[in-house]
Amino acid sequence: MTGWPAADIWLGLLWAAAAALLAGHIGRVAADITYVTLADGRRRERRLPLSYRLLLPFAPNLAGLVNRPAFARMREDHDRRLVAAGFEGLLSGRELIALRFLMPLVFGTLTVVAVHAGLRRIPGAVGAALAQRALLFDLVLVLYWFVQPSLWLQRRLGERHLQIQRALPFVLDLLTLSVEAGLDFMTAIKRIIDRRELDALNEELIRVFREVQLGRTRREALRDLADRVQHPDVRAVVNALVQADELGVSIGSILRIQADQMRIRRFLNAERMANEAPVKLLFPLILFIFPSVFLILLGPIVVQVLQHGF
């Protein structure tokens, strides 16, 4: 019995060392915690997906591509949405566009290789039929990894908007009570910032308060809040406050009206979601429940027919 050749042993050791180094690097990247810095200097954790953190060091290699004028509008749109989602300073529009090209190149290739390896293991006519459609699978996988960064950003933006939408009526109530009790508007915001748990809306209020402290007018800070958050409820409240400030109307009454409107809007939204629930249940009902019932009721009969014939 002869041993393995020395070249094969060294090659195996090199592959094992490379795999260990890669696993160690992935582990270090996974353990790192990413933060954004708030307007008052505090740091808030924002966790990027592990795949993004692994590929971001390679994003500058695509600078020549993503900086082209053809991507100018996409860069601006991604920058606005990243700020609205709370990732300002952590991820830029250029980096997100670069990820849209890197993700199909790296993870798309890996998933395509894995799918082809799985298809080759399927025996018989089923495997042959699936292998003939391998190109379709490849295109679907590459397309998914191309749009995945946009889907991730949309999901994070929706989560942040939901947090703000839920907290806004309560904050408006606190502002109304504080202003009607005789406090100045900015002092009321300071009280709310100090006493409420730090959430998405509190982060935005901290920025408004710091901007006013640094010399911006209240109108400018509020308009910047509406442009930054990109939420219709926040924009409606900001427009009402700016108009009240310009016309000299009592802010307390405006805040109370806006709080009542927020509650009515939340009630209507909940009613709309309740009405949409039966329609949304149709898909899982048809896809999972009906086939399960069919399999339970007719499965034994089908088995007997196949075993004993008609």
C-alpha atoms as a PDB file:
ATOM      1  CA  MET A   1       0.000   0.000   0.000  1.00  0.00           C
ATOM      2  CA  THR A   2       1.552   3.253  -1.114  1.00  0.00           C
ATOM      3  CA  GLY A   3       1.021   6.562   0.659  1.00  0.00           C
ATOM      4  CA  TRP A   4      -0.270   9.743  -0.822  1.00  0.00           C
ATOM      5  CA  PRO A   5       2.121  11.771  -2.945  1.00  0.00           C
ATOM      6  CA  ALA A   6       3.824  14.615  -1.130  1.00  0.00           C
ATOM      7  CA  ALA A   7       2.350  17.161  -3.580  1.00  0.00           C
ATOM      8  CA  ASP A   8      -1.188  16.047  -2.727  1.00  0.00           C
ATOM      9  CA  ILE A   9      -0.465  16.292   0.995  1.00  0.00           C
ATOM     10  CA  TRP A  10       0.912  19.810   0.668  1.00  0.00           C
ATOM     11  CA  LEU A  11      -2.009  20.822  -1.542  1.00  0.00           C
ATOM     12  CA  GLY A  12      -4.486  19.492   1.031  1.00  0.00           C
ATOM     13  CA  LEU A  13      -2.703  21.336   3.829  1.00  0.00           C
ATOM     14  CA  LEU A  14      -2.778  24.569   1.836  1.00  0.00           C
ATOM     15  CA  TRP A  15      -6.504  24.186   1.170  1.00  0.00           C
ATOM     16  CA  ALA A  16      -7.131  23.466   4.861  1.00  0.00           C
ATOM     17  CA  ALA A  17      -5.125  26.539   5.879  1.00  0.00           C
ATOM     18  CA  ALA A  18      -6.981  28.708   3.380  1.00  0.00           C
ATOM     19  CA  ALA A  19     -10.336  27.421   4.654  1.00  0.00           C
ATOM     20  CA  ALA A  20      -9.300  28.066   8.262  1.00  0.00           C
ATOM     21  CA  LEU A  21      -8.175  31.612   7.452  1.00  0.00           C
ATOM     22  CA  LEU A  22     -11.408  32.289   5.571  1.00  0.00           C
ATOM     23  CA  ALA A  23     -13.513  30.918   8.428  1.00  0.00           C
ATOM     24  CA  GLY A  24     -11.550  33.026  10.926  1.00  0.00           C
ATOM     25  CA  HIS A  25     -12.035  36.167   8.849  1.00  0.00           C
ATOM     26  CA  ILE A  26     -15.771  35.533   8.508  1.00  0.00           C
ATOM     27  CA  GLY A  27     -15.985  34.961  12.260  1.00  0.00           C
ATOM     28  CA  ARG A  28     -14.204  38.250  13.025  1.00  0.00           C
ATOM     29  CA  VAL A  29     -16.447  40.167  10.614  1.00  0.00           C
ATOM     30  CA  ALA A  30     -19.552  38.550  12.092  1.00  0.00           C
ATOM     31  CA  ALA A  31     -18.467  39.527  15.624  1.00  0.00           C
ATOM     32  CA  ASP A  32     -17.906  43.188  14.700  1.00  0.00           C
ATOM     33  CA  ILE A  33     -20.691  45.566  15.696  1.00  0.00           C
ATOM     34  CA  THR A  34     -21.388  48.566  13.468  1.00  0.00           C
ATOM     35  CA  TYR A  35     -22.695  51.852  14.843  1.00  0.00           C
ATOM     36  CA  VAL A  36     -24.117  55.149  13.674  1.00  0.00           C
ATOM     37  CA  THR A  37     -23.394  58.353  15.585  1.00  0.00           C
ATOM     38  CA  LEU A  38     -26.421  60.359  16.697  1.00  0.00           C
ATOM     39  CA  ALA A  39     -26.584  64.142  16.744  1.00  0.00           C
ATOM     40  CA  ASP A  40     -25.774  64.279  20.462  1.00  0.00           C
ATOM     41  CA  GLY A  41     -22.665  62.116  20.106  1.00  0.00           C
ATOM     42  CA  ARG A  42     -24.168  58.845  21.297  1.00  0.00           C
ATOM     43  CA  ARG A  43     -23.617  55.726  19.223  1.00  0.00           C
ATOM     44  CA  ARG A  44     -26.501  53.533  18.157  1.00  0.00           C
ATOM     45  CA  GLU A  45     -26.040  49.995  16.883  1.00  0.00           C
ATOM     46  CA  ARG A  46     -26.999  49.364  13.268  1.00  0.00           C
ATOM     47  CA  ARG A  47     -26.237  45.851  12.147  1.00  0.00           C
ATOM     48  CA  LEU A  48     -25.541  45.356   8.457  1.00  0.00           C
ATOM     49  CA  PRO A  49     -25.973  41.883   6.935  1.00  0.00           C
ATOM     50  CA  LEU A  50     -22.872  39.723   7.134  1.00  0.00           C
ATOM     51  CA  SER A  51     -22.709  39.414   3.342  1.00  0.00           C
ATOM     52  CA  TYR A  52     -22.557  43.209   3.023  1.00  0.00           C
ATOM     53  CA  ARG A  53     -19.777  43.529   5.586  1.00  0.00           C
ATOM     54  CA  LEU A  54     -17.763  40.877   3.772  1.00  0.00           C
ATOM     55  CA  LEU A  55     -18.093  42.598   0.390  1.00  0.00           C
ATOM     56  CA  LEU A  56     -17.881  46.280   1.388  1.00  0.00           C
ATOM     57  CA  PRO A  57     -14.028  46.320   1.364  1.00  0.00           C
ATOM     58  CA  PHE A  58     -14.239  45.507  -2.363  1.00  0.00           C
ATOM     59  CA  ALA A  59     -16.746  48.283  -3.136  1.00  0.00           C
ATOM     60  CA  PRO A  60     -14.043  50.914  -3.964  1.00  0.00           C
ATOM     61  CA  ASN A  61     -12.895  48.685  -6.833  1.00  0.00           C
ATOM     62  CA  LEU A  62     -16.165  49.525  -8.610  1.00  0.00           C
ATOM     63  CA  ALA A  63     -15.887  53.285  -8.052  1.00  0.00           C
ATOM     64  CA  GLY A  64     -15.278  53.913 -11.745  1.00  0.00           C
ATOM     65  CA  LEU A  65     -18.548  52.176 -12.579  1.00  0.00           C
ATOM     66  CA  VAL A  66     -20.875  53.510  -9.861  1.00  0.00           C
ATOM     67  CA  ASN A  67     -19.630  57.117 -10.208  1.00  0.00           C
ATOM     68  CA  ARG A  68     -20.797  57.353 -13.811  1.00  0.00           C
ATOM     69  CA  PRO A  69     -23.499  59.936 -14.606  1.00  0.00           C
ATOM     70  CA  ALA A  70     -25.885  57.143 -15.564  1.00  0.00           C
ATOM     71  CA  PHE A  71     -26.095  56.166 -11.872  1.00  0.00           C
ATOM     72  CA  ALA A  72     -26.442  59.737 -10.532  1.00  0.00           C
ATOM     73  CA  ARG A  73     -30.181  59.546  -9.913  1.00  0.00           C
ATOM     74  CA  MET A  74     -29.865  56.070  -8.369  1.00  0.00           C
ATOM     75  CA  ARG A  75     -27.088  57.302  -6.050  1.00  0.00           C
ATOM     76  CA  GLU A  76     -29.199  60.220  -4.854  1.00  0.00           C
ATOM     77  CA  ASP A  77     -32.229  57.991  -4.319  1.00  0.00           C
ATOM     78  CA  HIS A  78     -30.208  55.425  -2.362  1.00  0.00           C
ATOM     79  CA  ASP A  79     -28.605  58.167  -0.257  1.00  0.00           C
ATOM     80  CA  ARG A  80     -32.001  59.609   0.691  1.00  0.00           C
ATOM     81  CA  ARG A  81     -33.446  56.218   1.528  1.00  0.00           C
ATOM     82  CA  LEU A  82     -30.391  55.204   3.575  1.00  0.00           C
ATOM     83  CA  VAL A  83     -30.691  58.402   5.627  1.00  0.00           C
ATOM     84  CA  ALA A  84     -34.419  57.783   6.109  1.00  0.00           C
ATOM     85  CA  ALA A  85     -33.692  54.192   7.164  1.00  0.00           C
ATOM     86  CA  GLY A  86     -31.173  55.356   9.782  1.00  0.00           C
ATOM     87  CA  PHE A  87     -27.936  54.215   8.088  1.00  0.00           C
ATOM     88  CA  GLU A  88     -26.440  57.664   7.447  1.00  0.00           C
ATOM     89  CA  GLY A  89     -22.658  57.553   7.773  1.00  0.00           C
ATOM     90  CA  LEU A  90     -22.607  53.758   7.834  1.00  0.00           C
ATOM     91  CA  LEU A  91     -23.504  52.965   4.232  1.00  0.00           C
ATOM     92  CA  SER A  92     -23.606  55.253   1.201  1.00  0.00           C
ATOM     93  CA  GLY A  93     -25.536  55.112  -2.024  1.00  0.00           C
ATOM     94  CA  ARG A  94     -22.349  54.390  -3.985  1.00  0.00           C
ATOM     95  CA  GLU A  95     -21.543  51.428  -1.759  1.00  0.00           C
ATOM     96  CA  LEU A  96     -25.065  50.061  -2.058  1.00  0.00           C
ATOM     97  CA  ILE A  97     -24.908  50.248  -5.865  1.00  0.00           C
ATOM     98  CA  ALA A  98     -21.525  48.506  -5.755  1.00  0.00           C
ATOM     99  CA  LEU A  99     -23.109  45.775  -3.622  1.00  0.00           C
ATOM    100  CA  ARG A 100     -25.781  45.296  -6.277  1.00  0.00           C
ATOM    101  CA  PHE A 101     -22.999  44.245  -8.653  1.00  0.00           C
ATOM    102  CA  LEU A 102     -20.855  42.360  -6.146  1.00  0.00           C
ATOM    103  CA  MET A 103     -23.658  40.251  -4.691  1.00  0.00           C
ATOM    104  CA  PRO A 104     -24.529  38.495  -8.009  1.00  0.00           C
ATOM    105  CA  LEU A 105     -20.831  38.122  -8.816  1.00  0.00           C
ATOM    106  CA  VAL A 106     -19.946  36.380  -5.532  1.00  0.00           C
ATOM    107  CA  PHE A 107     -23.049  34.920  -3.923  1.00  0.00           C
ATOM    108  CA  GLY A 108     -24.841  34.477  -7.242  1.00  0.00           C
ATOM    109  CA  THR A 109     -21.942  32.359  -8.485  1.00  0.00           C
ATOM    110  CA  LEU A 110     -21.892  30.298  -5.277  1.00  0.00           C
ATOM    111  CA  THR A 111     -25.634  29.615  -5.377  1.00  0.00           C
ATOM    112  CA  VAL A 112     -25.523  28.742  -9.085  1.00  0.00           C
ATOM    113  CA  VAL A 113     -22.716  26.239  -8.436  1.00  0.00           C
ATOM    114  CA  ALA A 114     -24.662  24.775  -5.501  1.00  0.00           C
ATOM    115  CA  VAL A 115     -27.855  24.484  -7.564  1.00  0.00           C
ATOM    116  CA  HIS A 116     -26.036  22.753 -10.444  1.00  0.00           C
ATOM    117  CA  ALA A 117     -24.397  20.350  -7.996  1.00  0.00           C
ATOM    118  CA  GLY A 118     -27.804  19.559  -6.522  1.00  0.00           C
ATOM    119  CA  LEU A 119     -29.406  19.045  -9.939  1.00  0.00           C
ATOM    120  CA  ARG A 120     -26.722  16.567 -10.949  1.00  0.00           C
ATOM    121  CA  ARG A 121     -27.586  14.461  -7.917  1.00  0.00           C
ATOM    122  CA  ILE A 122     -31.253  14.100  -8.912  1.00  0.00           C
ATOM    123  CA  PRO A 123     -31.601  10.810 -10.831  1.00  0.00           C
ATOM    124  CA  GLY A 124     -33.906   9.895 -13.668  1.00  0.00           C
ATOM    125  CA  ALA A 125     -36.109  11.979 -15.911  1.00  0.00           C
ATOM    126  CA  VAL A 126     -36.790  14.570 -13.229  1.00  0.00           C
ATOM    127  CA  GLY A 127     -33.123  15.461 -12.941  1.00  0.00           C
ATOM    128  CA  ALA A 128     -32.784  15.626 -16.746  1.00  0.00           C
ATOM    129  CA  ALA A 129     -35.828  17.897 -17.051  1.00  0.00           C
ATOM    130  CA  LEU A 130     -34.521  20.216 -14.326  1.00  0.00           C
ATOM    131  CA  ALA A 131     -31.053  20.255 -15.872  1.00  0.00           C
ATOM    132  CA  GLN A 132     -32.574  21.483 -19.147  1.00  0.00           C
ATOM    133  CA  ARG A 133     -34.000  24.460 -17.239  1.00  0.00           C
ATOM    134  CA  ALA A 134     -30.750  25.186 -15.400  1.00  0.00           C
ATOM    135  CA  LEU A 135     -30.241  28.404 -17.361  1.00  0.00           C
ATOM    136  CA  LEU A 136     -33.591  29.708 -16.110  1.00  0.00           C
ATOM    137  CA  PHE A 137     -32.585  28.903 -12.524  1.00  0.00           C
ATOM    138  CA  ASP A 138     -29.288  30.711 -13.059  1.00  0.00           C
ATOM    139  CA  LEU A 139     -30.996  33.844 -14.345  1.00  0.00           C
ATOM    140  CA  VAL A 140     -33.471  33.872 -11.443  1.00  0.00           C
ATOM    141  CA  LEU A 141     -30.702  33.483  -8.868  1.00  0.00           C
ATOM    142  CA  VAL A 142     -28.518  36.194 -10.384  1.00  0.00           C
ATOM    143  CA  LEU A 143     -31.495  38.546 -10.639  1.00  0.00           C
ATOM    144  CA  TYR A 144     -32.396  37.897  -6.998  1.00  0.00           C
ATOM    145  CA  TRP A 145     -28.901  38.739  -5.759  1.00  0.00           C
ATOM    146  CA  PHE A 146     -28.900  41.867  -7.925  1.00  0.00           C
ATOM    147  CA  VAL A 147     -32.113  43.258  -6.399  1.00  0.00           C
ATOM    148  CA  GLN A 148     -31.487  41.908  -2.871  1.00  0.00           C
ATOM    149  CA  PRO A 149     -29.754  45.111  -1.586  1.00  0.00           C
ATOM    150  CA  SER A 150     -32.732  47.197  -2.725  1.00  0.00           C
ATOM    151  CA  LEU A 151     -35.150  44.764  -1.083  1.00  0.00           C
ATOM    152  CA  TRP A 152     -33.132  44.910   2.141  1.00  0.00           C
ATOM    153  CA  LEU A 153     -33.137  48.721   2.133  1.00  0.00           C
ATOM    154  CA  GLN A 154     -36.876  48.839   1.462  1.00  0.00           C
ATOM    155  CA  ARG A 155     -37.507  46.446   4.353  1.00  0.00           C
ATOM    156  CA  ARG A 156     -35.356  48.461   6.776  1.00  0.00           C
ATOM    157  CA  LEU A 157     -37.021  51.694   5.678  1.00  0.00           C
ATOM    158  CA  GLY A 158     -40.459  50.186   6.226  1.00  0.00           C
ATOM    159  CA  GLU A 159     -39.471  49.008   9.727  1.00  0.00           C
ATOM    160  CA  ARG A 160     -38.199  52.460  10.696  1.00  0.00           C
ATOM    161  CA  HIS A 161     -41.299  54.170   9.282  1.00  0.00           C
ATOM    162  CA  LEU A 162     -43.473  51.776  11.268  1.00  0.00           C
ATOM    163  CA  GLN A 163     -41.620  52.670  14.485  1.00  0.00           C
ATOM    164  CA  ILE A 164     -42.090  56.372  13.804  1.00  0.00           C
ATOM    165  CA  GLN A 165     -45.751  55.930  12.889  1.00  0.00           C
ATOM    166  CA  ARG A 166     -46.459  54.068  16.127  1.00  0.00           C
ATOM    167  CA  ALA A 167     -44.612  56.562  18.344  1.00  0.00           C
ATOM    168  CA  LEU A 168     -45.831  59.772  16.680  1.00  0.00           C
ATOM    169  CA  PRO A 169     -49.331  60.079  18.309  1.00  0.00           C
ATOM    170  CA  PHE A 170     -47.908  59.532  21.800  1.00  0.00           C
ATOM    171  CA  VAL A 171     -45.146  62.099  21.234  1.00  0.00           C
ATOM    172  CA  LEU A 172     -47.678  64.597  19.901  1.00  0.00           C
ATOM    173  CA  ASP A 173     -49.760  64.110  23.050  1.00  0.00           C
ATOM    174  CA  LEU A 174     -46.717  64.796  25.225  1.00  0.00           C
ATOM    175  CA  LEU A 175     -45.855  67.875  23.173  1.00  0.00           C
ATOM    176  CA  THR A 176     -49.439  69.128  23.452  1.00  0.00           C
ATOM    177  CA  LEU A 177     -49.531  68.712  27.223  1.00  0.00           C
ATOM    178  CA  SER A 178     -46.118  70.334  27.640  1.00  0.00           C
ATOM    179  CA  VAL A 179     -46.886  73.333  25.419  1.00  0.00           C
ATOM    180  CA  GLU A 180     -50.317  73.876  26.961  1.00  0.00           C
ATOM    181  CA  ALA A 181     -48.683  73.726  30.399  1.00  0.00           C
ATOM    182  CA  GLY A 182     -46.543  76.711  29.436  1.00  0.00           C
ATOM    183  CA  LEU A 183     -43.309  75.195  28.162  1.00  0.00           C
ATOM    184  CA  ASP A 184     -41.560  76.430  25.051  1.00  0.00           C
ATOM    185  CA  PHE A 185     -41.741  74.106  22.036  1.00  0.00           C
ATOM    186  CA  MET A 186     -38.017  73.304  22.025  1.00  0.00           C
ATOM    187  CA  THR A 187     -37.984  72.853  25.804  1.00  0.00           C
ATOM    188  CA  ALA A 188     -40.853  70.390  25.429  1.00  0.00           C
ATOM    189  CA  ILE A 189     -38.871  68.474  22.820  1.00  0.00           C
ATOM    190  CA  LYS A 190     -35.883  68.414  25.196  1.00  0.00           C
ATOM    191  CA  ARG A 191     -38.050  66.968  27.976  1.00  0.00           C
ATOM    192  CA  ILE A 192     -39.360  64.268  25.650  1.00  0.00           C
ATOM    193  CA  ILE A 193     -35.855  63.393  24.450  1.00  0.00           C
ATOM    194  CA  ASP A 194     -34.588  63.043  28.024  1.00  0.00           C
ATOM    195  CA  ARG A 195     -37.473  60.969  29.350  1.00  0.00           C
ATOM    196  CA  ARG A 196     -38.442  58.688  26.477  1.00  0.00           C
ATOM    197  CA  GLU A 197     -36.681  55.513  25.500  1.00  0.00           C
ATOM    198  CA  LEU A 198     -34.381  55.981  22.542  1.00  0.00           C
ATOM    199  CA  ASP A 199     -36.211  54.932  19.373  1.00  0.00           C
ATOM    200  CA  ALA A 200     -36.363  56.042  15.745  1.00  0.00           C
ATOM    201  CA  LEU A 201     -38.510  59.116  16.428  1.00  0.00           C
ATOM    202  CA  ASN A 202     -36.378  60.146  19.395  1.00  0.00           C
ATOM    203  CA  GLU A 203     -33.263  59.954  17.221  1.00  0.00           C
ATOM    204  CA  GLU A 204     -34.835  62.386  14.753  1.00  0.00           C
ATOM    205  CA  LEU A 205     -35.976  64.730  17.534  1.00  0.00           C
ATOM    206  CA  ILE A 206     -32.445  64.751  18.950  1.00  0.00           C
ATOM    207  CA  ARG A 207     -31.168  65.898  15.585  1.00  0.00           C
ATOM    208  CA  VAL A 208     -33.817  68.634  15.356  1.00  0.00           C
ATOM    209  CA  PHE A 209     -32.934  69.886  18.829  1.00  0.00           C
ATOM    210  CA  ARG A 210     -29.181  69.912  18.114  1.00  0.00           C
ATOM    211  CA  GLU A 211     -29.647  71.719  14.813  1.00  0.00           C
ATOM    212  CA  VAL A 212     -31.643  74.461  16.539  1.00  0.00           C
ATOM    213  CA  GLN A 213     -28.955  74.684  19.208  1.00  0.00           C
ATOM    214  CA  LEU A 214     -26.316  75.162  16.494  1.00  0.00           C
ATOM    215  CA  GLY A 215     -28.163  78.149  15.025  1.00  0.00           C
ATOM    216  CA  ARG A 216     -30.684  76.842  12.532  1.00  0.00           C
ATOM    217  CA  THR A 217     -34.195  78.192  12.760  1.00  0.00           C
ATOM    218  CA  ARG A 218     -36.979  75.963  13.988  1.00  0.00           C
ATOM    219  CA  ARG A 219     -38.665  76.029  10.584  1.00  0.00           C
ATOM    220  CA  GLU A 220     -35.512  74.899   8.800  1.00  0.00           C
ATOM    221  CA  ALA A 221     -34.884  72.112  11.306  1.00  0.00           C
ATOM    222  CA  LEU A 222     -38.466  70.874  11.011  1.00  0.00           C
ATOM    223  CA  ARG A 223     -38.447  71.000   7.207  1.00  0.00           C
ATOM    224  CA  ASP A 224     -35.159  69.113   7.214  1.00  0.00           C
ATOM    225  CA  LEU A 225     -36.814  66.519   9.493  1.00  0.00           C
ATOM    226  CA  ALA A 226     -39.641  65.981   6.987  1.00  0.00           C
ATOM    227  CA  ASP A 227     -37.218  65.709   4.050  1.00  0.00           C
ATOM    228  CA  ARG A 228     -34.980  63.319   5.962  1.00  0.00           C
ATOM    229  CA  VAL A 229     -37.635  60.931   7.317  1.00  0.00           C
ATOM    230  CA  GLN A 230     -39.781  60.799   4.122  1.00  0.00           C
ATOM    231  CA  HIS A 231     -42.933  59.766   5.972  1.00  0.00           C
ATOM    232  CA  PRO A 232     -46.323  61.332   5.101  1.00  0.00           C
ATOM    233  CA  ASP A 233     -47.453  61.622   8.745  1.00  0.00           C
ATOM    234  CA  VAL A 234     -44.263  63.409   9.758  1.00  0.00           C
ATOM    235  CA  ARG A 235     -44.521  65.704   6.747  1.00  0.00           C
ATOM    236  CA  ALA A 236     -48.132  66.573   7.611  1.00  0.00           C
ATOM    237  CA  VAL A 237     -47.192  67.445  11.202  1.00  0.00           C
ATOM    238  CA  VAL A 238     -44.200  69.508  10.079  1.00  0.00           C
ATOM    239  CA  ASN A 239     -46.253  71.436   7.514  1.00  0.00           C
ATOM    240  CA  ALA A 240     -48.893  72.219  10.147  1.00  0.00           C
ATOM    241  CA  LEU A 241     -46.273  73.424  12.639  1.00  0.00           C
ATOM    242  CA  VAL A 242     -44.496  75.567  10.055  1.00  0.00           C
ATOM    243  CA  GLN A 243     -47.767  77.168   8.950  1.00  0.00           C
ATOM    244  CA  ALA A 244     -48.764  77.792  12.573  1.00  0.00           C
ATOM    245  CA  ASP A 245     -45.390  79.429  13.175  1.00  0.00           C
ATOM    246  CA  GLU A 246     -45.752  81.621  10.088  1.00  0.00           C
ATOM    247  CA  LEU A 247     -49.365  82.654  10.845  1.00  0.00           C
ATOM    248  CA  GLY A 248     -48.918  83.066  14.599  1.00  0.00           C
ATOM    249  CA  VAL A 249     -51.449  80.359  15.484  1.00  0.00           C
ATOM    250  CA  SER A 250     -51.232  78.599  18.840  1.00  0.00           C
ATOM    251  CA  ILE A 251     -48.962  75.581  18.520  1.00  0.00           C
ATOM    252  CA  GLY A 252     -50.822  73.729  21.284  1.00  0.00           C
ATOM    253  CA  SER A 253     -54.091  73.647  19.342  1.00  0.00           C
ATOM    254  CA  ILE A 254     -52.289  72.569  16.155  1.00  0.00           C
ATOM    255  CA  LEU A 255     -50.560  69.747  18.019  1.00  0.00           C
ATOM    256  CA  ARG A 256     -53.847  68.548  19.502  1.00  0.00           C
ATOM    257  CA  ILE A 257     -55.507  68.533  16.068  1.00  0.00           C
ATOM    258  CA  GLN A 258     -52.572  66.618  14.572  1.00  0.00           C
ATOM    259  CA  ALA A 259     -52.626  64.056  17.401  1.00  0.00           C
ATOM    260  CA  ASP A 260     -56.350  63.441  16.836  1.00  0.00           C
ATOM    261  CA  GLN A 261     -55.764  63.054  13.105  1.00  0.00           C
ATOM    262  CA  MET A 262     -52.946  60.577  13.741  1.00  0.00           C
ATOM    263  CA  ARG A 263     -55.253  58.432  15.852  1.00  0.00           C
ATOM    264  CA  ILE A 264     -57.988  58.506  13.235  1.00  0.00           C
ATOM    265  CA  ARG A 265     -55.456  57.609  10.558  1.00  0.00           C
ATOM    266  CA  ARG A 266     -54.116  54.705  12.619  1.00  0.00           C
ATOM    267  CA  PHE A 267     -57.653  53.430  13.206  1.00  0.00           C
ATOM    268  CA  LEU A 268     -58.455  53.594   9.484  1.00  0.00           C
ATOM    269  CA  ASN A 269     -55.181  51.872   8.654  1.00  0.00           C
ATOM    270  CA  ALA A 270     -55.927  49.072  11.125  1.00  0.00           C
ATOM    271  CA  GLU A 271     -59.420  48.719   9.646  1.00  0.00           C
ATOM    272  CA  ARG A 272     -57.975  48.531   6.137  1.00  0.00           C
ATOM    273  CA  MET A 273     -55.476  45.846   7.182  1.00  0.00           C
ATOM    274  CA  ALA A 274     -58.260  43.843   8.820  1.00  0.00           C
ATOM    275  CA  ASN A 275     -60.283  44.007   5.594  1.00  0.00           C
ATOM    276  CA  GLU A 276     -57.265  42.868   3.571  1.00  0.00           C
ATOM    277  CA  ALA A 277     -56.548  39.884   5.828  1.00  0.00           C
ATOM    278  CA  PRO A 278     -59.020  37.439   4.147  1.00  0.00           C
ATOM    279  CA  VAL A 279     -57.547  38.215   0.738  1.00  0.00           C
ATOM    280  CA  LYS A 280     -53.997  37.673   2.006  1.00  0.00           C
ATOM    281  CA  LEU A 281     -55.011  34.355   3.552  1.00  0.00           C
ATOM    282  CA  LEU A 282     -56.114  32.973   0.179  1.00  0.00           C
ATOM    283  CA  PHE A 283     -52.567  32.290  -1.015  1.00  0.00           C
ATOM    284  CA  PRO A 284     -51.427  30.107   1.948  1.00  0.00           C
ATOM    285  CA  LEU A 285     -54.889  28.525   2.013  1.00  0.00           C
ATOM    286  CA  ILE A 286     -54.656  27.419  -1.613  1.00  0.00           C
ATOM    287  CA  LEU A 287     -50.949  26.588  -1.515  1.00  0.00           C
ATOM    288  CA  PHE A 288     -50.718  24.640   1.756  1.00  0.00           C
ATOM    289  CA  ILE A 289     -54.040  23.844   3.433  1.00  0.00           C
ATOM    290  CA  PHE A 290     -56.029  22.515   0.460  1.00  0.00           C
ATOM    291  CA  PRO A 291     -53.217  20.184  -0.724  1.00  0.00           C
ATOM    292  CA  SER A 292     -52.769  18.935   2.860  1.00  0.00           C
ATOM    293  CA  VAL A 293     -56.463  18.113   3.164  1.00  0.00           C
ATOM    294  CA  PHE A 294     -56.400  16.426  -0.243  1.00  0.00           C
ATOM    295  CA  LEU A 295     -53.336  14.375   0.744  1.00  0.00           C
ATOM    296  CA  ILE A 296     -54.850  13.283   4.080  1.00  0.00           C
ATOM    297  CA  LEU A 297     -58.219  12.298   2.635  1.00  0.00           C
ATOM    298  CA  LEU A 298     -57.225  10.815  -0.706  1.00  0.00           C
ATOM    299  CA  GLY A 299     -53.640   9.774  -0.003  1.00  0.00           C
ATOM    300  CA  PRO A 300     -54.438   6.257   1.285  1.00  0.00           C
ATOM    301  CA  ILE A 301     -56.819   5.650  -1.619  1.00  0.00           C
ATOM    302  CA  VAL A 302     -54.195   6.701  -4.154  1.00  0.00           C
ATOM    303  CA  VAL A 303     -51.600   4.433  -2.509  1.00  0.00           C
ATOM    304  CA  GLN A 304     -53.958   1.459  -2.632  1.00  0.00           C
ATOM    305  CA  VAL A 305     -54.797   2.110  -6.280  1.00  0.00           C
ATOM    306  CA  LEU A 306     -51.128   2.278  -7.180  1.00  0.00           C
ATOM    307  CA  GLN A 307     -50.347  -0.934  -5.283  1.00  0.00           C
ATOM    308  CA  HIS A 308     -53.254  -3.098  -6.467  1.00  0.00           C
ATOM    309  CA  GLY A 309     -54.186  -1.439  -9.738  1.00  0.00           C
ATOM    310  CA  PHE A 310     -57.585  -0.186 -10.884  1.00  0.00           C
END
